[in-house]
C-alpha atoms as a PDB file:
ATOM      1  CA  MET A   1      98.563-150.057 -78.916  1.00  0.00           C
ATOM      2  CA  ALA A   2      99.762-147.518 -81.466  1.00  0.00           C
ATOM      3  CA  ARG A   3      97.363-146.784 -84.306  1.00  0.00           C
ATOM      4  CA  PHE A   4      98.839-146.431 -87.751  1.00  0.00           C
ATOM      5  CA  SER A   5      98.192-147.080 -91.384  1.00  0.00           C
ATOM      6  CA  ILE A   6     100.260-147.152 -94.506  1.00  0.00           C
ATOM      7  CA  GLY A   7      98.746-145.281 -97.399  1.00  0.00           C
ATOM      8  CA  TRP A   8      99.278-142.512 -99.865  1.00  0.00           C
ATOM      9  CA  SER A   9      95.964-140.733 -99.313  1.00  0.00           C
ATOM     10  CA  VAL A  10      95.562-140.596 -95.564  1.00  0.00           C
ATOM     11  CA  LEU A  11      94.337-137.018 -95.347  1.00  0.00           C
ATOM     12  CA  VAL A  12      92.111-135.054 -97.646  1.00  0.00           C
ATOM     13  CA  LEU A  13      91.555-131.364 -97.014  1.00  0.00           C
ATOM     14  CA  SER A  14      88.140-130.201 -98.081  1.00  0.00           C
ATOM     15  CA  ALA A  15      87.040-126.846 -99.402  1.00  0.00           C
ATOM     16  CA  VAL A  16      85.324-124.704 -96.790  1.00  0.00           C
ATOM     17  CA  PRO A  17      82.740-122.090 -97.826  1.00  0.00           C
ATOM     18  CA  PHE A  18      83.689-118.436 -97.355  1.00  0.00           C
ATOM     19  CA  GLY A  19      83.089-117.363 -93.779  1.00  0.00           C
ATOM     20  CA  ALA A  20      82.986-120.908 -92.429  1.00  0.00           C
ATOM     21  CA  VAL A  21      85.240-121.913 -89.549  1.00  0.00           C
ATOM     22  CA  ALA A  22      88.074-124.203 -90.658  1.00  0.00           C
ATOM     23  CA  GLN A  23      87.792-127.703 -89.202  1.00  0.00           C
ATOM     24  CA  ALA A  24      91.109-129.023 -87.964  1.00  0.00           C
ATOM     25  CA  GLU A  25      92.043-132.588 -88.917  1.00  0.00           C
ATOM     26  CA  PRO A  26      94.266-134.532 -86.514  1.00  0.00           C
ATOM     27  CA  LEU A  27      97.568-135.485 -88.098  1.00  0.00           C
ATOM     28  CA  PHE A  28      99.766-136.542 -85.177  1.00  0.00           C
ATOM     29  CA  GLN A  29      99.273-136.927 -81.446  1.00  0.00           C
ATOM     30  CA  CYS A  30     101.161-138.580 -78.631  1.00  0.00           C
ATOM     31  CA  ALA A  31     102.076-138.391 -74.961  1.00  0.00           C
ATOM     32  CA  PHE A  32     105.538-138.330 -73.436  1.00  0.00           C
ATOM     33  CA  ALA A  33     106.967-139.821 -70.234  1.00  0.00           C
ATOM     34  CA  ASN A  34     106.971-136.313 -68.677  1.00  0.00           C
ATOM     35  CA  GLY A  35     103.135-136.237 -68.770  1.00  0.00           C
ATOM     36  CA  LYS A  36     102.925-133.756 -71.638  1.00  0.00           C
ATOM     37  CA  THR A  37     101.391-134.242 -75.071  1.00  0.00           C
ATOM     38  CA  VAL A  38     101.886-132.891 -78.545  1.00  0.00           C
ATOM     39  CA  VAL A  39      99.089-132.489 -81.075  1.00  0.00           C
ATOM     40  CA  LEU A  40      99.497-131.571 -84.726  1.00  0.00           C
ATOM     41  CA  GLU A  41      96.421-130.689 -86.786  1.00  0.00           C
ATOM     42  CA  THR A  42      95.870-129.415 -90.301  1.00  0.00           C
ATOM     43  CA  ASP A  43      93.226-127.347 -91.980  1.00  0.00           C
ATOM     44  CA  GLU A  44      93.097-125.596 -95.340  1.00  0.00           C
ATOM     45  CA  THR A  45      95.146-122.685 -93.966  1.00  0.00           C
ATOM     46  CA  GLY A  46      98.060-124.633 -92.480  1.00  0.00           C
ATOM     47  CA  VAL A  47      99.294-126.629 -89.520  1.00  0.00           C
ATOM     48  CA  SER A  48      98.553-126.138 -85.812  1.00  0.00           C
ATOM     49  CA  TYR A  49     100.919-127.393 -83.103  1.00  0.00           C
ATOM     50  CA  ARG A  50     100.047-127.661 -79.407  1.00  0.00           C
ATOM     51  CA  PHE A  51     102.325-128.837 -76.612  1.00  0.00           C
ATOM     52  CA  GLY A  52     101.590-129.141 -72.907  1.00  0.00           C
ATOM     53  CA  ARG A  53      99.675-131.044 -70.266  1.00  0.00           C
ATOM     54  CA  PRO A  54      96.343-132.572 -71.309  1.00  0.00           C
ATOM     55  CA  GLY A  55      93.311-130.587 -70.163  1.00  0.00           C
ATOM     56  CA  GLN A  56      95.346-127.427 -69.526  1.00  0.00           C
ATOM     57  CA  THR A  57      96.175-124.384 -71.608  1.00  0.00           C
ATOM     58  CA  PRO A  58      99.015-125.405 -73.951  1.00  0.00           C
ATOM     59  CA  GLU A  59     102.508-124.282 -72.997  1.00  0.00           C
ATOM     60  CA  LEU A  60     103.059-123.571 -76.677  1.00  0.00           C
ATOM     61  CA  ALA A  61     100.512-123.208 -79.478  1.00  0.00           C
ATOM     62  CA  LEU A  62     101.601-122.358 -83.008  1.00  0.00           C
ATOM     63  CA  HIS A  63      99.818-122.083 -86.334  1.00  0.00           C
ATOM     64  CA  ARG A  64     101.855-121.898 -89.503  1.00  0.00           C
ATOM     65  CA  PRO A  65     100.697-121.706 -93.123  1.00  0.00           C
ATOM     66  CA  TYR A  66     101.946-124.510 -95.360  1.00  0.00           C
ATOM     67  CA  ASP A  67     104.596-122.332 -96.966  1.00  0.00           C
ATOM     68  CA  GLN A  68     106.201-121.842 -93.524  1.00  0.00           C
ATOM     69  CA  ILE A  69     106.640-125.501 -92.583  1.00  0.00           C
ATOM     70  CA  ASN A  70     109.170-128.031 -93.789  1.00  0.00           C
ATOM     71  CA  VAL A  71     108.278-131.636 -94.558  1.00  0.00           C
ATOM     72  CA  THR A  72     111.039-134.152 -95.203  1.00  0.00           C
ATOM     73  CA  PRO A  73     109.592-137.187 -96.986  1.00  0.00           C
ATOM     74  CA  TRP A  74     110.950-140.725 -96.777  1.00  0.00           C
ATOM     75  CA  PRO A  75     113.745-141.076 -99.377  1.00  0.00           C
ATOM     76  CA  GLY A  76     112.710-144.644-100.217  1.00  0.00           C
ATOM     77  CA  VAL A  77     115.668-146.486 -98.715  1.00  0.00           C
ATOM     78  CA  GLY A  78     116.684-147.859 -95.337  1.00  0.00           C
ATOM     79  CA  ARG A  79     115.245-150.060 -92.642  1.00  0.00           C
ATOM     80  CA  SER A  80     112.590-147.553 -91.591  1.00  0.00           C
ATOM     81  CA  ILE A  81     109.910-145.703 -93.495  1.00  0.00           C
ATOM     82  CA  TRP A  82     110.141-142.248 -91.936  1.00  0.00           C
ATOM     83  CA  GLU A  83     109.306-138.588 -92.400  1.00  0.00           C
ATOM     84  CA  ASP A  84     109.465-135.419 -90.369  1.00  0.00           C
ATOM     85  CA  LEU A  85     107.716-132.070 -90.188  1.00  0.00           C
ATOM     86  CA  SER A  86     109.337-128.893 -88.819  1.00  0.00           C
ATOM     87  CA  LEU A  87     107.772-125.670 -87.582  1.00  0.00           C
ATOM     88  CA  HIS A  88     109.747-122.605 -86.597  1.00  0.00           C
ATOM     89  CA  ASN A  89     109.151-120.171 -83.758  1.00  0.00           C
ATOM     90  CA  GLY A  90     111.823-117.508 -84.070  1.00  0.00           C
ATOM     91  CA  ALA A  91     115.190-119.268 -83.857  1.00  0.00           C
ATOM     92  CA  VAL A  92     113.675-122.445 -82.365  1.00  0.00           C
ATOM     93  CA  THR A  93     112.603-125.393 -84.534  1.00  0.00           C
ATOM     94  CA  TYR A  94     110.058-128.012 -83.450  1.00  0.00           C
ATOM     95  CA  ARG A  95     110.550-131.184 -85.474  1.00  0.00           C
ATOM     96  CA  LEU A  96     108.024-134.010 -85.239  1.00  0.00           C
ATOM     97  CA  TRP A  97     109.048-137.330 -86.743  1.00  0.00           C
ATOM     98  CA  GLY A  98     107.473-140.707 -87.303  1.00  0.00           C
ATOM     99  CA  ALA A  99     109.007-143.996 -88.410  1.00  0.00           C
ATOM    100  CA  LEU A 100     107.876-147.526 -89.185  1.00  0.00           C
ATOM    101  CA  ASP A 101     110.422-150.347 -88.919  1.00  0.00           C
ATOM    102  CA  ARG A 102     109.604-152.167 -92.132  1.00  0.00           C
ATOM    103  CA  LEU A 103     112.001-155.050 -91.487  1.00  0.00           C
ATOM    104  CA  SER A 104     110.764-156.078 -88.039  1.00  0.00           C
ATOM    105  CA  GLU A 105     108.104-158.735 -87.736  1.00  0.00           C
ATOM    106  CA  ASP A 106     105.786-156.391 -85.809  1.00  0.00           C
ATOM    107  CA  HIS A 107     106.512-153.319 -88.002  1.00  0.00           C
ATOM    108  CA  ASN A 108     107.151-151.237 -84.902  1.00  0.00           C
ATOM    109  CA  LEU A 109     106.053-147.622 -85.103  1.00  0.00           C
ATOM    110  CA  SER A 110     107.984-144.901 -83.281  1.00  0.00           C
ATOM    111  CA  ALA A 111     107.742-141.132 -83.201  1.00  0.00           C
ATOM    112  CA  GLY A 112     108.853-138.116 -81.276  1.00  0.00           C
ATOM    113  CA  LEU A 113     109.676-134.443 -80.999  1.00  0.00           C
ATOM    114  CA  ILE A 114     113.063-132.762 -81.320  1.00  0.00           C
ATOM    115  CA  VAL A 115     113.468-129.115 -80.287  1.00  0.00           C
ATOM    116  CA  GLU A 116     116.489-127.307 -81.729  1.00  0.00           C
ATOM    117  CA  LYS A 117     117.980-123.847 -81.730  1.00  0.00           C
ATOM    118  CA  GLY A 118     120.407-123.644 -84.614  1.00  0.00           C
ATOM    119  CA  ASP A 119     122.645-126.696 -84.341  1.00  0.00           C
ATOM    120  CA  GLU A 120     121.944-127.136 -80.619  1.00  0.00           C
ATOM    121  CA  GLU A 121     119.445-129.798 -79.562  1.00  0.00           C
ATOM    122  CA  LEU A 122     117.370-128.413 -76.689  1.00  0.00           C
ATOM    123  CA  ALA A 123     115.101-131.419 -76.129  1.00  0.00           C
ATOM    124  CA  ARG A 124     114.367-134.871 -77.537  1.00  0.00           C
ATOM    125  CA  LEU A 125     111.143-136.578 -76.496  1.00  0.00           C
ATOM    126  CA  GLU A 126     110.040-140.065 -77.579  1.00  0.00           C
ATOM    127  CA  CYS A 127     106.325-140.776 -77.855  1.00  0.00           C
ATOM    128  CA  LEU A 128     104.895-143.414 -75.557  1.00  0.00           C
ATOM    129  CA  PRO A 129     103.956-146.212 -77.996  1.00  0.00           C
ATOM    130  CA  ASP A 130     100.450-146.771 -76.604  1.00  0.00           C
ATOM    131  CA  SER A 131      99.622-143.067 -76.927  1.00  0.00           C
ATOM    132  CA  LEU A 132     100.710-142.622 -80.534  1.00  0.00           C
ATOM    133  CA  ASN A 133      98.159-141.636 -83.159  1.00  0.00           C
ATOM    134  CA  TYR A 134     100.054-141.245 -86.434  1.00  0.00           C
ATOM    135  CA  ALA A 135      99.684-142.610 -89.951  1.00  0.00           C
ATOM    136  CA  VAL A 136     102.820-143.289 -91.968  1.00  0.00           C
ATOM    137  CA  PHE A 137     103.159-140.753 -94.823  1.00  0.00           C
ATOM    138  CA  SER A 138     100.556-138.434 -93.262  1.00  0.00           C
ATOM    139  CA  PHE A 139     102.915-135.420 -93.156  1.00  0.00           C
ATOM    140  CA  SER A 140     103.686-135.764 -96.859  1.00  0.00           C
ATOM    141  CA  ASP A 141     100.040-136.504 -97.670  1.00  0.00           C
ATOM    142  CA  ALA A 142      98.906-133.326 -95.910  1.00  0.00           C
ATOM    143  CA  TYR A 143     101.472-131.267 -97.799  1.00  0.00           C
ATOM    144  CA  GLU A 144     100.355-132.791-101.105  1.00  0.00           C
ATOM    145  CA  ALA A 145      96.694-132.183-100.236  1.00  0.00           C
ATOM    146  CA  ALA A 146      97.605-128.512 -99.682  1.00  0.00           C
ATOM    147  CA  GLY A 147      98.822-128.342-103.301  1.00  0.00           C
ATOM    148  CA  TYR A 148     102.537-129.104-103.013  1.00  0.00           C
ATOM    149  CA  CYS A 149     104.433-131.854-104.804  1.00  0.00           C
ATOM    150  CA  TRP A 150     107.872-133.373-104.291  1.00  0.00           C
ATOM    151  CA  ASN A 151     110.452-132.667-106.982  1.00  0.00           C
ATOM    152  CA  PHE A 152     112.573-135.838-107.099  1.00  0.00           C
ATOM    153  CA  GLU A 153     115.293-134.207-109.187  1.00  0.00           C
ATOM    154  CA  ASP A 154     115.901-131.209-106.896  1.00  0.00           C
ATOM    155  CA  PHE A 155     114.738-132.835-103.617  1.00  0.00           C
ATOM    156  CA  ILE A 156     112.387-129.974-102.763  1.00  0.00           C
ATOM    157  CA  TRP A 157     108.657-129.356-102.374  1.00  0.00           C
ATOM    158  CA  GLN A 158     107.181-127.042-104.979  1.00  0.00           C
ATOM    159  CA  GLU A 159     103.806-125.408-105.413  1.00  0.00           C
ATOM    160  CA  SER A 160     103.456-125.948-109.146  1.00  0.00           C
ATOM    161  CA  CYS A 161     102.970-129.617-109.891  1.00  0.00           C
ATOM    162  CA  GLU A 162     103.154-130.933-113.440  1.00  0.00           C
END
């Protein structure tokens, strides 16, 4: 069974004393039909992404500071409550997405990974529902906890929030 919650304050990043090791907080995790998994974690410095087979060295591990990731929040309309988070590795973009069908009786949760190079889609993987660990709005919540806020007039994240 997929684990999810709806909330505006899913993740809180805490201050870490100087010299202390940053503790990663899980943000998103799932397995795919090909036997591989993706894990997304946050800490006060940014977002870590790992992809590969469980128990083995990741095929790809990235860490990006918050100012180098893109979060697209739910626009407030449509059948699904959704958001996505993108990380870049050179010309390749790794976009994780999550969605909750708000009109279905069961409020089905789905998620996945899209890998793109420019306009070309290189891969599209859907999370196995029973493996999914994701909370709706958690990408946006993590970005807000890092000090960013959504500007509804310009449709952008900004660092100075008023």
